[in-house]
């Protein structure tokens, strides 16, 4: 299994698990900086990670991201509808 590294040197295994990449981003960009980070800091770190991936890995992680975001979107829509019904 291939690994990539954050700008701080933390290893991330490219095993298809988007949540492990997200956790690493949280730890390395947000937690280590004690929430003192900007949108640009996160974007730079994400771009750094993407730059280490090949085309196939980028496609796989994009597909996983779109799937998870679609599920989140659908759940948010359902939650709003349920709140509307309960009023």
C-alpha atoms as a PDB file:
ATOM      1  CA  UNK A   1       0.000   0.000   0.000  1.00  0.00           C
ATOM      2  CA  UNK A   2       1.340   3.385  -0.989  1.00  0.00           C
ATOM      3  CA  UNK A   3       1.585   6.300   1.410  1.00  0.00           C
ATOM      4  CA  UNK A   4       1.705  10.043   1.011  1.00  0.00           C
ATOM      5  CA  UNK A   5       2.861  12.657   3.509  1.00  0.00           C
ATOM      6  CA  UNK A   6       1.436  15.876   4.844  1.00  0.00           C
ATOM      7  CA  UNK A   7       3.583  19.007   4.835  1.00  0.00           C
ATOM      8  CA  UNK A   8       4.400  18.230   8.480  1.00  0.00           C
ATOM      9  CA  UNK A   9       5.591  14.738   7.543  1.00  0.00           C
ATOM     10  CA  UNK A  10       2.668  12.629   8.796  1.00  0.00           C
ATOM     11  CA  UNK A  11       2.075   9.491   6.700  1.00  0.00           C
ATOM     12  CA  UNK A  12      -1.297   8.704   5.164  1.00  0.00           C
ATOM     13  CA  UNK A  13      -1.931   5.261   3.689  1.00  0.00           C
ATOM     14  CA  UNK A  14      -3.715   5.400   0.342  1.00  0.00           C
ATOM     15  CA  UNK A  15      -6.069   2.509   0.970  1.00  0.00           C
ATOM     16  CA  UNK A  16      -9.207   4.127  -0.429  1.00  0.00           C
ATOM     17  CA  UNK A  17     -10.431   5.326   2.983  1.00  0.00           C
ATOM     18  CA  UNK A  18     -11.366   8.992   2.578  1.00  0.00           C
ATOM     19  CA  UNK A  19     -12.111   9.307   6.289  1.00  0.00           C
ATOM     20  CA  UNK A  20      -8.486   8.508   7.170  1.00  0.00           C
ATOM     21  CA  UNK A  21      -7.353  11.332   4.872  1.00  0.00           C
ATOM     22  CA  UNK A  22      -9.885  13.673   6.468  1.00  0.00           C
ATOM     23  CA  UNK A  23      -8.739  12.682   9.956  1.00  0.00           C
ATOM     24  CA  UNK A  24      -5.113  13.348   9.012  1.00  0.00           C
ATOM     25  CA  UNK A  25      -6.081  16.753   7.621  1.00  0.00           C
ATOM     26  CA  UNK A  26      -7.922  17.570  10.831  1.00  0.00           C
ATOM     27  CA  UNK A  27      -5.000  16.492  13.010  1.00  0.00           C
ATOM     28  CA  UNK A  28      -2.257  18.152  10.976  1.00  0.00           C
ATOM     29  CA  UNK A  29      -3.992  21.389   9.983  1.00  0.00           C
ATOM     30  CA  UNK A  30      -6.622  22.048  12.633  1.00  0.00           C
ATOM     31  CA  UNK A  31      -5.701  20.274  15.864  1.00  0.00           C
ATOM     32  CA  UNK A  32      -1.941  20.858  15.809  1.00  0.00           C
ATOM     33  CA  UNK A  33      -2.560  24.553  15.192  1.00  0.00           C
ATOM     34  CA  UNK A  34      -5.163  24.681  17.973  1.00  0.00           C
ATOM     35  CA  UNK A  35      -7.840  25.861  15.520  1.00  0.00           C
ATOM     36  CA  UNK A  36      -5.576  28.703  14.320  1.00  0.00           C
ATOM     37  CA  UNK A  37      -5.777  27.943  10.631  1.00  0.00           C
ATOM     38  CA  UNK A  38      -7.427  29.484   7.625  1.00  0.00           C
ATOM     39  CA  UNK A  39      -9.344  28.287   4.618  1.00  0.00           C
ATOM     40  CA  UNK A  40      -6.168  28.823   2.587  1.00  0.00           C
ATOM     41  CA  UNK A  41      -4.115  26.672   4.999  1.00  0.00           C
ATOM     42  CA  UNK A  42      -6.507  23.764   4.504  1.00  0.00           C
ATOM     43  CA  UNK A  43      -6.644  24.235   0.728  1.00  0.00           C
ATOM     44  CA  UNK A  44      -2.834  24.259   0.520  1.00  0.00           C
ATOM     45  CA  UNK A  45      -2.606  21.037   2.512  1.00  0.00           C
ATOM     46  CA  UNK A  46      -5.281  19.346   0.397  1.00  0.00           C
ATOM     47  CA  UNK A  47      -3.505  20.445  -2.789  1.00  0.00           C
ATOM     48  CA  UNK A  48      -0.225  19.103  -1.378  1.00  0.00           C
ATOM     49  CA  UNK A  49      -1.838  15.693  -0.784  1.00  0.00           C
ATOM     50  CA  UNK A  50      -3.560  15.614  -4.180  1.00  0.00           C
ATOM     51  CA  UNK A  51      -0.259  16.450  -5.853  1.00  0.00           C
ATOM     52  CA  UNK A  52       1.217  13.209  -4.509  1.00  0.00           C
ATOM     53  CA  UNK A  53      -1.581  11.044  -5.921  1.00  0.00           C
ATOM     54  CA  UNK A  54      -1.649   9.525  -9.380  1.00  0.00           C
ATOM     55  CA  UNK A  55      -4.688   9.842 -11.662  1.00  0.00           C
ATOM     56  CA  UNK A  56      -6.236   6.562 -10.521  1.00  0.00           C
ATOM     57  CA  UNK A  57      -5.904   7.478  -6.839  1.00  0.00           C
ATOM     58  CA  UNK A  58      -7.398  10.928  -7.455  1.00  0.00           C
ATOM     59  CA  UNK A  59     -10.365   9.360  -9.290  1.00  0.00           C
ATOM     60  CA  UNK A  60     -10.953   6.893  -6.459  1.00  0.00           C
ATOM     61  CA  UNK A  61     -10.845   9.567  -3.759  1.00  0.00           C
ATOM     62  CA  UNK A  62     -13.046  11.924  -5.799  1.00  0.00           C
ATOM     63  CA  UNK A  63     -15.647   9.160  -6.195  1.00  0.00           C
ATOM     64  CA  UNK A  64     -15.547   8.458  -2.441  1.00  0.00           C
ATOM     65  CA  UNK A  65     -15.835  12.173  -1.684  1.00  0.00           C
ATOM     66  CA  UNK A  66     -18.803  12.633  -4.000  1.00  0.00           C
ATOM     67  CA  UNK A  67     -20.527   9.605  -2.488  1.00  0.00           C
ATOM     68  CA  UNK A  68     -20.066  10.808   1.098  1.00  0.00           C
ATOM     69  CA  UNK A  69     -21.092  14.352   0.226  1.00  0.00           C
ATOM     70  CA  UNK A  70     -24.216  13.101  -1.548  1.00  0.00           C
ATOM     71  CA  UNK A  71     -25.199  11.059   1.503  1.00  0.00           C
ATOM     72  CA  UNK A  72     -24.588  14.099   3.760  1.00  0.00           C
ATOM     73  CA  UNK A  73     -26.626  16.312   1.425  1.00  0.00           C
ATOM     74  CA  UNK A  74     -29.521  13.838   1.386  1.00  0.00           C
ATOM     75  CA  UNK A  75     -29.434  13.492   5.177  1.00  0.00           C
ATOM     76  CA  UNK A  76     -29.449  17.284   5.614  1.00  0.00           C
ATOM     77  CA  UNK A  77     -32.439  17.593   3.261  1.00  0.00           C
ATOM     78  CA  UNK A  78     -34.281  14.845   5.142  1.00  0.00           C
ATOM     79  CA  UNK A  79     -33.503  16.476   8.497  1.00  0.00           C
ATOM     80  CA  UNK A  80     -34.890  19.818   7.278  1.00  0.00           C
ATOM     81  CA  UNK A  81     -38.032  18.091   6.006  1.00  0.00           C
ATOM     82  CA  UNK A  82     -38.522  16.232   9.288  1.00  0.00           C
ATOM     83  CA  UNK A  83     -38.153  19.494  11.254  1.00  0.00           C
ATOM     84  CA  UNK A  84     -40.739  21.106   8.997  1.00  0.00           C
ATOM     85  CA  UNK A  85     -43.139  18.218   9.606  1.00  0.00           C
ATOM     86  CA  UNK A  86     -42.707  18.395  13.377  1.00  0.00           C
ATOM     87  CA  UNK A  87     -43.790  22.065  13.509  1.00  0.00           C
END
